[in-house]
Amino acid sequence: MTQTKHFFTYLNKVMKTNWNGPAFSDFGENVNYTYGEVAIQLEKLRLAYVACGVKPGDKIAFCGVNSSNWAISYLSILAYRAIGVSILPDFTGEDIEKLVNHSEAKILLAGPMVAKKVKAEKMPNLRAIIGYMDFSVIYAADDDIREAIANMDKLYEEAHPNGFTADDINYHTDNLDELALINYTSGTTSSPKGVMLTYRSLSTNVTFGVEHIPNDPSKTMVSLLPLAHMFGMAFEFLYQVAGGTHIYYIPRMATPTLMKAFKECKPYLIFMVPLIIEKIYQKKLRPIVRKPIVRLMWNMPIVGRIIRNKVKQGLLDAFGGKVEHLIIGGAALNSEVEQCLKDINFPFLVGYGMTECGPLISYVPWQEFKLHSCGKIVDRMDLRIDSTDPQNIVGEIQVKGEANMIGYYKNEEATKAVFTKDGWLRTGDLGVVDADGYLFIRGRSKNMILGPSGQNIYPEEIENIVNSNEGVAESVVVSREGKLVALVFPDADYDTAGKTMDEMKKQWMQLSNNRLPQYSKIADIEIVDKEFEKTPKKSIKRFLYS
């Protein structure tokens, strides 16, 4: 196992060797940066931070939707050796103000929608709000600061009269154990939970990516996960930059735009939450693979292989034709979708992580992936199951190693609660590990339902089965007076062939219960008339449903 390389070790090399190579683009917009242009903008922002009286070690918040300038804003903070404060743009203006104040940030780099939501007077510690789409002054605490930001181009020209070149690049690499990022994931209605991640945590994730999924300047990437979440930040951004990849950002996320981006940009790697691939399966693959004639021939030695290869090629083409890896994470993948992808030998796998680990916990190459697992513990990390028999008895998944956060910012109570006395991080997830070291997640500990005879019931496993029924878009299983009820949002595009909704409910319940043990059979199905509310990473906010 190799040692962690500082993220900026990679960036120092990339900036020098790929100065004129494409770095960031906003798909469908006239926004493009080479790596050299990124470096110059980082230097301009560094000079602006100095002029604003912000010092290395001070905190700079950034909040907005995915874009090239979001990426530049974040890099500028780390390159300056300040502490980045990542805030979800989905939060209300009041929540964003609260988190800026809680973090003690001195500057807020804000996207257009965020800038409209927040009020500078509610954030008295701020020296400036900078609109990151054009790096203009939105708010300044005094005229000197306003002038410094407004004239950053002039400051740059004065500091570098002969220009700024690749030879000037020398980002710090001697601070692996310094705090790099405070990532706010929740807590706007209670005690904020700002996950504190060091450069070591970020860098061990980047090192893992570079070593296990090599990339280079010939590769392209379409970024579709929220960059404010660690999954997107680490693997659609930092690891891609480390290899010199050309990243395309999609400012306006919509399925037609996404599919157009795949077709035109031809990414080598796609990270995806289950919801997206499940929708693609429902619309494009399931109507094919469920045809009686296709079912009959699916597993035949010759004709079956031809059919499976044709299905695989169609999916590869939809993703641009050059996909080498499809990595799925963030929630459980529907078992029918998973089986189909495995049958057609699609290069996919399911990984596992959490913000507190920056984020990766488990992974294996797609060629080694076991169905229903989420890989093995990654390099420089250890895993244990809090169970007397980790292979057979479900227990909490706990992890320890270089990627672990150092705690929640100014929240000692939550920090103590999430670590065991011997220093292991409690994930809150439940699972088992097989003899080969593969991790199988059973559900969230807080979601587990205790059955009438003491059985542990994991609603995610039941939902997986319910969702495999034709006509079901998504579901949430809840416990009501000791009985399991499936809340179902139907697929509006499904042809019910004249069946009433009551008939469909009866069919779904029968098909589902045929596959469930007695203690976890559902007693009723209740139809909901709109999609379940979701987090930015597309996980259902199940706490809203009972």
Protein backbone atom coordinates (compact mmCIF):
# COMPACT_ATOMS: atom_id res chain seq x y z
CA MET A 1 0.00 0.00 0.00
CA THR A 2 1.45 3.37 -1.01
CA GLN A 3 1.60 6.53 1.08
CA THR A 4 -0.90 9.32 0.56
CA LYS A 5 0.27 11.98 -1.88
CA HIS A 6 -0.78 15.54 -1.13
CA PHE A 7 -3.40 16.69 -3.63
CA PHE A 8 -1.26 19.68 -4.58
CA THR A 9 1.62 17.35 -5.50
CA TYR A 10 -0.54 16.23 -8.40
CA LEU A 11 -1.74 19.75 -9.18
CA ASN A 12 1.78 21.22 -9.24
CA LYS A 13 2.69 18.68 -11.93
CA VAL A 14 -0.53 19.05 -13.93
CA MET A 15 -0.32 22.85 -14.02
CA LYS A 16 3.20 22.65 -15.43
CA THR A 17 2.72 19.83 -17.95
CA ASN A 18 -0.83 20.67 -19.09
CA TRP A 19 -0.76 24.48 -18.99
CA ASN A 20 -2.55 24.87 -22.32
CA GLY A 21 -4.81 21.85 -21.92
CA PRO A 22 -8.57 22.24 -21.32
CA ALA A 23 -9.54 22.16 -17.65
CA PHE A 24 -13.13 23.33 -17.03
CA SER A 25 -16.10 24.05 -19.29
CA ASP A 26 -19.72 24.92 -18.59
CA PHE A 27 -21.65 22.72 -21.01
CA GLY A 28 -23.83 24.76 -23.36
CA GLU A 29 -22.30 28.02 -22.13
CA ASN A 30 -19.38 30.05 -23.46
CA VAL A 31 -17.25 29.37 -20.39
CA ASN A 32 -13.97 27.51 -20.89
CA TYR A 33 -10.68 27.47 -18.98
CA THR A 34 -7.31 25.91 -19.69
CA TYR A 35 -5.24 24.77 -16.72
CA GLY A 36 -3.05 27.81 -17.24
CA GLU A 37 -6.05 30.14 -17.14
CA VAL A 38 -7.20 28.44 -13.94
CA ALA A 39 -3.77 29.04 -12.38
CA ILE A 40 -3.87 32.72 -13.34
CA GLN A 41 -7.34 33.15 -11.81
CA LEU A 42 -6.16 31.44 -8.61
CA GLU A 43 -3.32 33.95 -8.41
CA LYS A 44 -5.69 36.89 -8.93
CA LEU A 45 -7.92 35.66 -6.12
CA ARG A 46 -4.89 35.10 -3.86
CA LEU A 47 -3.90 38.73 -4.29
CA ALA A 48 -7.50 39.81 -3.59
CA TYR A 49 -7.59 37.75 -0.38
CA VAL A 50 -4.35 39.36 0.78
CA ALA A 51 -5.72 42.83 0.03
CA CYS A 52 -8.89 42.01 1.97
CA GLY A 53 -6.79 41.22 5.04
CA VAL A 54 -7.72 37.53 4.95
CA LYS A 55 -4.86 35.31 6.14
CA PRO A 56 -4.01 31.64 5.58
CA GLY A 57 -5.95 29.68 8.18
CA ASP A 58 -8.93 32.05 7.98
CA LYS A 59 -12.19 30.65 6.64
CA ILE A 60 -13.69 31.40 3.25
CA ALA A 61 -17.20 30.10 2.47
CA PHE A 62 -18.42 29.13 -0.98
CA CYS A 63 -21.98 28.35 -2.00
CA GLY A 64 -23.64 27.90 -5.37
CA VAL A 65 -24.49 25.47 -8.14
CA ASN A 66 -21.95 23.49 -10.15
CA SER A 67 -19.86 25.53 -12.56
CA SER A 68 -16.29 26.12 -13.67
CA ASN A 69 -16.08 29.15 -11.40
CA TRP A 70 -17.30 27.14 -8.41
CA ALA A 71 -14.32 24.84 -9.01
CA ILE A 72 -11.93 27.80 -9.33
CA SER A 73 -13.32 29.38 -6.16
CA TYR A 74 -12.69 26.23 -4.15
CA LEU A 75 -9.20 25.70 -5.55
CA SER A 76 -8.31 29.31 -4.80
CA ILE A 77 -9.16 28.80 -1.12
CA LEU A 78 -7.01 25.69 -0.74
CA ALA A 79 -4.17 27.17 -2.79
CA TYR A 80 -4.16 30.17 -0.46
CA ARG A 81 -4.03 27.80 2.51
CA ALA A 82 -7.28 29.18 3.87
CA ILE A 83 -10.01 26.84 5.19
CA GLY A 84 -12.86 26.24 2.79
CA VAL A 85 -16.43 26.26 4.10
CA SER A 86 -18.71 24.33 1.77
CA ILE A 87 -22.44 25.10 2.03
CA LEU A 88 -25.25 23.55 0.01
CA PRO A 89 -26.97 26.06 -2.28
CA ASP A 90 -30.29 24.32 -1.58
CA PHE A 91 -30.40 25.82 1.93
CA THR A 92 -32.55 28.88 2.55
CA GLY A 93 -30.90 32.29 2.74
CA GLU A 94 -31.40 32.31 6.50
CA ASP A 95 -29.75 28.91 6.85
CA ILE A 96 -26.79 29.97 4.70
CA GLU A 97 -26.35 33.09 6.84
CA LYS A 98 -26.44 30.96 9.97
CA LEU A 99 -23.74 28.62 8.67
CA VAL A 100 -21.52 31.46 7.45
CA ASN A 101 -21.72 32.94 10.95
CA HIS A 102 -21.18 29.59 12.65
CA SER A 103 -18.05 28.96 10.58
CA GLU A 104 -16.68 32.48 11.21
CA ALA A 105 -15.99 32.86 7.48
CA LYS A 106 -14.51 36.18 6.41
CA ILE A 107 -15.43 35.98 2.72
CA LEU A 108 -18.40 34.36 0.96
CA LEU A 109 -18.00 33.32 -2.67
CA ALA A 110 -21.59 33.10 -3.88
CA GLY A 111 -23.41 31.96 -6.98
CA PRO A 112 -26.15 34.22 -8.43
CA MET A 113 -29.11 32.54 -6.73
CA VAL A 114 -27.31 32.42 -3.38
CA ALA A 115 -26.34 36.10 -3.65
CA LYS A 116 -30.03 36.97 -4.01
CA LYS A 117 -31.00 34.91 -0.94
CA VAL A 118 -28.54 36.24 1.64
CA LYS A 119 -28.25 39.59 3.38
CA ALA A 120 -24.81 40.93 4.22
CA GLU A 121 -26.02 42.68 7.39
CA LYS A 122 -27.02 39.28 8.80
CA MET A 123 -23.38 38.12 8.52
CA PRO A 124 -21.41 40.73 10.49
CA ASN A 125 -18.12 38.81 10.41
CA LEU A 126 -17.90 38.97 6.60
CA ARG A 127 -15.46 41.31 4.95
CA ALA A 128 -16.80 40.66 1.48
CA ILE A 129 -19.28 38.75 -0.66
CA ILE A 130 -17.84 37.95 -4.09
CA GLY A 131 -20.04 36.79 -6.96
CA TYR A 132 -18.05 33.89 -8.30
CA MET A 133 -19.60 33.88 -11.78
CA ASP A 134 -17.57 36.98 -12.67
CA PHE A 135 -15.64 37.55 -9.39
CA SER A 136 -17.32 40.90 -8.89
CA VAL A 137 -17.99 42.71 -5.60
CA ILE A 138 -21.46 42.12 -4.17
CA TYR A 139 -20.66 43.43 -0.70
CA ALA A 140 -17.57 44.92 0.94
CA ALA A 141 -17.10 45.91 4.56
CA ASP A 142 -15.20 49.07 3.52
CA ASP A 143 -14.03 50.95 0.45
CA ASP A 144 -10.50 49.53 0.54
CA ILE A 145 -11.80 45.99 0.34
CA ARG A 146 -14.26 46.91 -2.41
CA GLU A 147 -11.47 48.51 -4.41
CA ALA A 148 -9.14 45.54 -3.90
CA ILE A 149 -11.67 43.03 -5.25
CA ALA A 150 -12.83 45.28 -8.08
CA ASN A 151 -9.21 45.83 -9.15
CA MET A 152 -7.82 42.31 -8.79
CA ASP A 153 -6.73 42.37 -12.44
CA LYS A 154 -4.68 45.50 -11.71
CA LEU A 155 -3.19 43.89 -8.60
CA TYR A 156 -2.23 40.91 -10.73
CA GLU A 157 -0.55 43.04 -13.40
CA GLU A 158 1.42 44.94 -10.77
CA ALA A 159 2.54 41.72 -9.06
CA HIS A 160 3.43 39.99 -12.34
CA PRO A 161 4.52 42.62 -14.90
CA ASN A 162 6.13 39.87 -17.01
CA GLY A 163 3.15 37.54 -16.70
CA PHE A 164 2.43 34.43 -14.65
CA THR A 165 3.70 31.14 -16.10
CA ALA A 166 3.90 27.46 -15.28
CA ASP A 167 7.30 28.09 -13.70
CA ASP A 168 5.56 30.20 -11.01
CA ILE A 169 3.44 27.26 -9.82
CA ASN A 170 4.45 25.95 -6.41
CA TYR A 171 1.43 25.07 -4.30
CA HIS A 172 2.06 23.93 -0.72
CA THR A 173 2.41 20.20 -0.06
CA ASP A 174 3.69 20.15 3.52
CA ASN A 175 0.43 20.42 5.44
CA LEU A 176 -1.39 17.09 5.13
CA ASP A 177 -2.70 17.31 8.68
CA GLU A 178 -3.97 20.89 8.52
CA LEU A 179 -7.71 21.55 8.33
CA ALA A 180 -8.68 22.03 4.68
CA LEU A 181 -12.47 21.99 4.62
CA ILE A 182 -15.56 22.38 6.77
CA ASN A 183 -18.40 20.72 4.87
CA TYR A 184 -21.86 21.53 6.16
CA THR A 185 -24.20 18.64 5.45
CA SER A 186 -27.01 19.25 7.93
CA GLY A 187 -27.97 20.90 11.17
CA THR A 188 -29.46 24.17 9.98
CA THR A 189 -32.47 23.60 12.22
CA SER A 190 -30.47 22.42 15.21
CA SER A 191 -26.78 22.31 16.09
CA PRO A 192 -24.89 22.67 12.78
CA LYS A 193 -22.74 19.72 11.72
CA GLY A 194 -19.74 21.02 9.85
CA VAL A 195 -17.55 18.04 8.94
CA MET A 196 -13.87 18.96 9.44
CA LEU A 197 -11.66 17.31 6.84
CA THR A 198 -7.88 17.67 6.64
CA TYR A 199 -5.76 17.75 3.51
CA ARG A 200 -4.85 14.16 4.38
CA SER A 201 -8.49 13.07 4.12
CA LEU A 202 -8.98 14.81 0.78
CA SER A 203 -5.60 13.63 -0.50
CA THR A 204 -6.01 9.96 0.42
CA ASN A 205 -9.25 9.93 -1.57
CA VAL A 206 -7.53 11.59 -4.54
CA THR A 207 -4.55 9.22 -4.29
CA PHE A 208 -6.89 6.23 -4.30
CA GLY A 209 -8.64 7.51 -7.41
CA VAL A 210 -5.43 8.21 -9.31
CA GLU A 211 -3.95 4.80 -8.43
CA HIS A 212 -7.04 2.65 -9.02
CA ILE A 213 -8.79 4.49 -11.87
CA PRO A 214 -5.93 6.21 -13.73
CA ASN A 215 -6.86 9.32 -15.69
CA ASP A 216 -4.95 11.78 -17.84
CA PRO A 217 -5.43 14.88 -20.05
CA SER A 218 -6.89 12.74 -22.85
CA LYS A 219 -9.93 11.93 -20.68
CA THR A 220 -13.15 13.90 -20.37
CA MET A 221 -15.61 14.00 -17.48
CA VAL A 222 -19.22 15.16 -17.17
CA SER A 223 -19.89 16.38 -13.63
CA LEU A 224 -23.47 15.78 -12.53
CA LEU A 225 -23.30 15.25 -8.75
CA PRO A 226 -23.60 18.29 -6.44
CA LEU A 227 -20.05 19.59 -5.92
CA ALA A 228 -20.97 20.71 -2.40
CA HIS A 229 -21.27 17.01 -1.51
CA MET A 230 -18.04 15.11 -0.94
CA PHE A 231 -18.79 12.41 -3.51
CA GLY A 232 -18.92 15.01 -6.29
CA MET A 233 -16.22 17.23 -4.80
CA ALA A 234 -13.66 14.46 -4.40
CA PHE A 235 -14.25 12.33 -7.48
CA GLU A 236 -15.82 14.58 -10.10
CA PHE A 237 -13.46 17.43 -9.28
CA LEU A 238 -10.30 17.01 -7.15
CA TYR A 239 -9.32 13.58 -8.48
CA GLN A 240 -10.10 14.66 -12.05
CA VAL A 241 -7.93 17.77 -11.69
CA ALA A 242 -5.12 15.63 -10.27
CA GLY A 243 -5.00 13.74 -13.58
CA GLY A 244 -5.45 16.76 -15.81
CA THR A 245 -8.89 15.67 -17.03
CA HIS A 246 -11.20 18.05 -18.92
CA ILE A 247 -14.33 18.50 -16.76
CA TYR A 248 -17.68 19.63 -18.17
CA TYR A 249 -20.13 21.16 -15.68
CA ILE A 250 -23.87 21.25 -16.32
CA PRO A 251 -25.27 24.50 -14.86
CA ARG A 252 -28.89 23.54 -15.66
CA MET A 253 -29.40 19.89 -14.75
CA ALA A 254 -32.14 18.23 -16.81
CA THR A 255 -32.29 14.75 -18.35
CA PRO A 256 -32.24 15.91 -22.02
CA THR A 257 -29.26 18.19 -21.30
CA LEU A 258 -27.49 15.41 -19.43
CA MET A 259 -27.92 12.87 -22.25
CA LYS A 260 -26.79 15.50 -24.78
CA ALA A 261 -23.70 16.17 -22.65
CA PHE A 262 -22.87 12.45 -22.51
CA LYS A 263 -23.20 12.18 -26.29
CA GLU A 264 -21.05 15.22 -27.06
CA CYS A 265 -18.46 15.05 -24.26
CA LYS A 266 -17.94 11.27 -24.26
CA PRO A 267 -16.88 10.81 -20.60
CA TYR A 268 -14.56 7.94 -19.65
CA LEU A 269 -16.14 7.66 -16.20
CA ILE A 270 -19.61 8.39 -14.82
CA PHE A 271 -20.56 8.75 -11.18
CA MET A 272 -24.25 8.33 -10.61
CA VAL A 273 -26.78 8.00 -7.81
CA PRO A 274 -29.13 4.99 -8.10
CA LEU A 275 -32.15 7.15 -8.88
CA ILE A 276 -30.75 8.23 -12.26
CA ILE A 277 -29.64 4.80 -13.50
CA GLU A 278 -32.91 3.27 -12.25
CA LYS A 279 -34.89 5.81 -14.29
CA ILE A 280 -32.76 5.08 -17.35
CA TYR A 281 -33.40 1.37 -16.81
CA GLN A 282 -37.16 1.87 -16.43
CA LYS A 283 -37.42 3.96 -19.60
CA LYS A 284 -34.87 2.33 -21.90
CA LEU A 285 -33.93 -1.17 -20.77
CA ARG A 286 -36.87 -2.72 -18.90
CA PRO A 287 -39.29 -2.49 -21.86
CA ILE A 288 -36.73 -4.53 -23.83
CA VAL A 289 -35.56 -7.11 -21.28
CA ARG A 290 -39.09 -7.89 -20.06
CA LYS A 291 -40.41 -8.82 -23.52
CA PRO A 292 -41.42 -12.52 -23.40
CA ILE A 293 -39.24 -13.45 -26.38
CA VAL A 294 -36.22 -11.63 -24.91
CA ARG A 295 -36.76 -13.29 -21.52
CA LEU A 296 -36.88 -16.67 -23.21
CA MET A 297 -33.60 -16.15 -25.09
CA TRP A 298 -31.78 -13.99 -22.50
CA ASN A 299 -29.65 -16.81 -21.06
CA MET A 300 -29.24 -18.92 -24.21
CA PRO A 301 -25.56 -19.58 -25.06
CA ILE A 302 -25.29 -17.82 -28.44
CA VAL A 303 -28.43 -15.84 -29.21
CA GLY A 304 -28.64 -14.68 -25.59
CA ARG A 305 -25.12 -13.28 -25.75
CA ILE A 306 -25.99 -11.42 -28.95
CA ILE A 307 -29.06 -9.87 -27.31
CA ARG A 308 -27.17 -8.94 -24.15
CA ASN A 309 -24.34 -7.36 -26.15
CA LYS A 310 -26.85 -5.32 -28.15
CA VAL A 311 -28.47 -4.04 -24.94
CA LYS A 312 -25.04 -3.22 -23.52
CA GLN A 313 -23.96 -1.33 -26.64
CA GLY A 314 -27.17 0.69 -26.62
CA LEU A 315 -26.48 1.81 -23.05
CA LEU A 316 -22.82 2.55 -23.82
CA ASP A 317 -23.88 4.67 -26.79
CA ALA A 318 -26.36 6.59 -24.63
CA PHE A 319 -23.46 7.47 -22.30
CA GLY A 320 -21.27 8.70 -25.15
CA GLY A 321 -19.59 5.47 -26.21
CA LYS A 322 -16.36 5.77 -24.21
CA VAL A 323 -17.47 4.89 -20.68
CA GLU A 324 -14.96 2.63 -18.95
CA HIS A 325 -16.51 2.76 -15.47
CA LEU A 326 -19.97 3.52 -14.11
CA ILE A 327 -19.68 4.03 -10.36
CA ILE A 328 -22.92 4.13 -8.38
CA GLY A 329 -23.21 5.34 -4.80
CA GLY A 330 -25.25 7.31 -2.32
CA ALA A 331 -28.00 4.73 -1.73
CA ALA A 332 -28.93 1.11 -2.44
CA LEU A 333 -29.27 0.10 -6.09
CA ASN A 334 -32.42 -1.75 -7.14
CA SER A 335 -31.58 -5.46 -7.40
CA GLU A 336 -33.30 -5.93 -10.78
CA VAL A 337 -31.29 -3.07 -12.28
CA GLU A 338 -28.12 -4.44 -10.71
CA GLN A 339 -28.74 -7.94 -12.10
CA CYS A 340 -29.43 -6.62 -15.59
CA LEU A 341 -26.21 -4.56 -15.63
CA LYS A 342 -24.31 -7.63 -14.46
CA ASP A 343 -25.95 -9.84 -17.12
CA ILE A 344 -24.87 -7.52 -19.95
CA ASN A 345 -21.36 -7.25 -18.46
CA PHE A 346 -21.66 -3.48 -18.15
CA PRO A 347 -18.61 -1.87 -16.46
CA PHE A 348 -20.44 -0.85 -13.30
CA LEU A 349 -19.97 -1.17 -9.57
CA VAL A 350 -21.56 0.09 -6.37
CA GLY A 351 -19.31 1.91 -3.91
CA TYR A 352 -19.90 3.27 -0.43
CA GLY A 353 -18.84 6.33 1.48
CA MET A 354 -19.86 9.21 3.69
CA THR A 355 -18.95 12.85 4.06
CA GLU A 356 -17.08 12.14 7.29
CA CYS A 357 -14.57 10.05 5.30
CA GLY A 358 -14.12 12.54 2.51
CA PRO A 359 -16.00 10.33 1.26
CA LEU A 360 -14.82 6.90 0.05
CA ILE A 361 -15.04 3.85 2.34
CA SER A 362 -15.32 0.84 0.03
CA TYR A 363 -14.72 0.07 -3.63
CA VAL A 364 -13.50 -2.66 -5.99
CA PRO A 365 -12.88 -2.55 -9.77
CA TRP A 366 -16.00 -3.46 -11.71
CA GLN A 367 -14.41 -6.69 -12.93
CA GLU A 368 -14.24 -7.90 -9.28
CA PHE A 369 -17.61 -6.54 -8.13
CA LYS A 370 -19.97 -8.92 -6.29
CA LEU A 371 -23.71 -8.42 -6.70
CA HIS A 372 -25.41 -6.62 -3.80
CA SER A 373 -22.08 -5.67 -2.21
CA CYS A 374 -20.38 -2.28 -2.19
CA GLY A 375 -16.80 -3.45 -2.53
CA LYS A 376 -13.98 -3.76 -0.01
CA ILE A 377 -12.43 -1.25 2.38
CA VAL A 378 -10.18 1.20 0.52
CA ASP A 379 -6.46 1.79 0.97
CA ARG A 380 -5.26 3.38 4.22
CA MET A 381 -8.56 2.61 5.94
CA ASP A 382 -9.78 -0.20 8.23
CA LEU A 383 -13.30 -1.52 8.70
CA ARG A 384 -15.06 -3.51 11.40
CA ILE A 385 -18.60 -4.68 12.04
CA ASP A 386 -19.91 -4.17 15.57
CA SER A 387 -21.24 -7.72 15.82
CA THR A 388 -20.34 -11.00 17.51
CA ASP A 389 -20.35 -12.66 14.08
CA PRO A 390 -19.56 -10.04 11.38
CA GLN A 391 -20.13 -12.49 8.52
CA ASN A 392 -23.61 -13.53 9.59
CA ILE A 393 -24.99 -11.15 12.20
CA VAL A 394 -25.70 -7.58 11.13
CA GLY A 395 -23.90 -4.85 13.06
CA GLU A 396 -22.94 -1.22 12.70
CA ILE A 397 -20.24 -0.48 10.12
CA GLN A 398 -17.32 1.34 11.76
CA VAL A 399 -14.21 2.72 10.06
CA LYS A 400 -10.82 4.07 11.01
CA GLY A 401 -7.94 5.55 9.01
CA GLU A 402 -6.50 8.49 7.12
CA ALA A 403 -9.78 9.58 5.53
CA ASN A 404 -11.65 10.05 8.82
CA MET A 405 -12.72 13.55 9.73
CA ILE A 406 -11.27 15.15 12.85
CA GLY A 407 -14.72 16.08 14.15
CA TYR A 408 -17.68 18.40 13.73
CA TYR A 409 -16.81 22.09 13.89
CA LYS A 410 -17.73 23.62 17.26
CA ASN A 411 -19.96 20.63 18.05
CA GLU A 412 -18.16 18.53 20.65
CA GLU A 413 -21.30 16.64 21.65
CA ALA A 414 -21.93 15.34 18.12
CA THR A 415 -18.24 14.54 17.69
CA LYS A 416 -18.14 12.43 20.85
CA ALA A 417 -21.30 10.62 19.82
CA VAL A 418 -19.98 9.61 16.40
CA PHE A 419 -16.66 8.15 17.60
CA THR A 420 -16.24 5.04 19.74
CA LYS A 421 -13.99 5.19 22.80
CA ASP A 422 -11.22 3.46 20.84
CA GLY A 423 -11.41 5.93 17.95
CA TRP A 424 -13.58 4.22 15.35
CA LEU A 425 -16.07 6.31 13.36
CA ARG A 426 -19.65 5.10 13.67
CA THR A 427 -21.22 5.25 10.20
CA GLY A 428 -24.78 4.66 11.39
CA ASP A 429 -25.09 2.04 8.64
CA LEU A 430 -25.65 -1.65 9.26
CA GLY A 431 -24.03 -4.50 7.39
CA VAL A 432 -21.99 -7.69 7.22
CA VAL A 433 -18.62 -8.58 5.67
CA ASP A 434 -18.11 -11.87 3.85
CA ALA A 435 -15.04 -14.13 4.02
CA ASP A 436 -13.47 -12.28 1.07
CA GLY A 437 -13.82 -8.87 2.71
CA TYR A 438 -16.80 -7.65 0.65
CA LEU A 439 -19.13 -5.29 2.50
CA PHE A 440 -22.90 -5.80 2.27
CA ILE A 441 -25.06 -2.97 3.63
CA ARG A 442 -28.41 -3.89 5.13
CA GLY A 443 -29.68 -0.41 5.97
CA ARG A 444 -29.42 2.58 8.25
CA SER A 445 -29.52 1.88 11.97
CA LYS A 446 -31.99 4.74 12.51
CA ASN A 447 -34.29 3.31 9.80
CA MET A 448 -34.37 -0.24 11.14
CA ILE A 449 -37.81 -1.47 12.21
CA LEU A 450 -38.12 -4.00 15.00
CA GLY A 451 -40.52 -6.77 13.99
CA PRO A 452 -43.24 -8.20 16.30
CA SER A 453 -41.04 -11.16 17.23
CA GLY A 454 -37.84 -9.15 17.54
CA GLN A 455 -36.72 -9.48 13.92
CA ASN A 456 -34.64 -6.68 12.42
CA ILE A 457 -36.51 -5.34 9.39
CA TYR A 458 -34.62 -3.09 6.95
CA PRO A 459 -37.09 -0.97 4.93
CA GLU A 460 -34.50 -0.38 2.20
CA GLU A 461 -34.55 -4.10 1.34
CA ILE A 462 -38.35 -4.13 1.07
CA GLU A 463 -38.33 -0.94 -1.03
CA ASN A 464 -35.86 -2.58 -3.37
CA ILE A 465 -38.40 -5.34 -4.06
CA VAL A 466 -41.41 -3.01 -4.30
CA ASN A 467 -39.55 -0.75 -6.74
CA SER A 468 -38.85 -3.68 -9.07
CA ASN A 469 -42.57 -3.91 -9.93
CA GLU A 470 -43.58 -2.41 -13.25
CA GLY A 471 -45.45 0.82 -12.72
CA VAL A 472 -43.70 1.73 -9.46
CA ALA A 473 -41.44 4.78 -9.70
CA GLU A 474 -40.29 4.83 -6.06
CA SER A 475 -41.42 3.83 -2.58
CA VAL A 476 -40.90 4.32 1.14
CA VAL A 477 -41.77 1.62 3.67
CA VAL A 478 -43.00 2.74 7.09
CA SER A 479 -44.32 1.03 10.21
CA ARG A 480 -47.84 1.88 11.38
CA GLU A 481 -49.23 0.27 14.51
CA GLY A 482 -46.93 -2.71 14.06
CA LYS A 483 -47.76 -3.20 10.38
CA LEU A 484 -45.60 -2.41 7.34
CA VAL A 485 -47.06 0.00 4.81
CA ALA A 486 -45.46 0.83 1.45
CA LEU A 487 -45.97 4.39 0.28
CA VAL A 488 -45.76 4.24 -3.51
CA PHE A 489 -45.34 6.95 -6.12
CA PRO A 490 -46.50 5.39 -9.42
CA ASP A 491 -44.71 5.74 -12.75
CA ALA A 492 -46.88 8.18 -14.70
CA ASP A 493 -45.63 6.81 -18.04
CA TYR A 494 -46.53 3.19 -17.31
CA ASP A 495 -49.41 1.70 -19.31
CA THR A 496 -51.69 -0.05 -16.79
CA ALA A 497 -53.62 -1.73 -19.65
CA GLY A 498 -56.93 -0.57 -18.20
CA LYS A 499 -56.31 -1.76 -14.65
CA THR A 500 -57.55 0.48 -11.85
CA MET A 501 -55.15 1.77 -9.24
CA ASP A 502 -56.70 -0.60 -6.66
CA GLU A 503 -55.97 -3.51 -8.99
CA MET A 504 -52.41 -2.29 -9.48
CA LYS A 505 -51.92 -1.99 -5.70
CA LYS A 506 -53.17 -5.55 -5.21
CA GLN A 507 -50.81 -6.80 -7.91
CA TRP A 508 -47.79 -4.92 -6.49
CA MET A 509 -48.46 -6.20 -2.99
CA GLN A 510 -48.86 -9.80 -4.11
CA LEU A 511 -45.72 -9.78 -6.27
CA SER A 512 -43.70 -8.10 -3.52
CA ASN A 513 -44.90 -10.33 -0.68
CA ASN A 514 -44.14 -13.44 -2.74
CA ARG A 515 -40.48 -12.44 -2.46
CA LEU A 516 -40.49 -11.38 1.21
CA PRO A 517 -40.19 -13.44 4.40
CA GLN A 518 -43.29 -13.66 6.55
CA TYR A 519 -42.12 -11.13 9.15
CA SER A 520 -41.43 -8.39 6.56
CA LYS A 521 -44.46 -8.73 4.28
CA ILE A 522 -46.27 -5.47 3.64
CA ALA A 523 -49.81 -5.11 4.96
CA ASP A 524 -50.92 -2.28 2.68
CA ILE A 525 -49.87 -0.02 -0.16
CA GLU A 526 -50.72 3.67 -0.05
CA ILE A 527 -50.45 5.80 -3.19
CA VAL A 528 -48.79 9.22 -2.95
CA ASP A 529 -49.48 11.83 -5.61
CA LYS A 530 -46.02 13.38 -5.96
CA GLU A 531 -42.38 12.34 -5.86
CA PHE A 532 -40.82 11.93 -2.45
CA GLU A 533 -38.75 14.88 -1.30
CA LYS A 534 -35.04 14.28 -1.73
CA THR A 535 -31.69 15.57 -0.59
CA PRO A 536 -29.34 17.16 -3.16
CA LYS A 537 -27.67 13.75 -3.64
CA LYS A 538 -31.12 12.31 -4.48
CA SER A 539 -31.69 10.26 -1.34
CA ILE A 540 -35.30 10.28 -0.14
CA LYS A 541 -35.90 12.36 2.99
CA ARG A 542 -37.59 9.43 4.68
CA PHE A 543 -37.89 11.28 8.00
CA LEU A 544 -40.71 13.28 6.36
CA TYR A 545 -42.84 10.15 5.92
CA SER A 546 -44.58 8.00 8.51
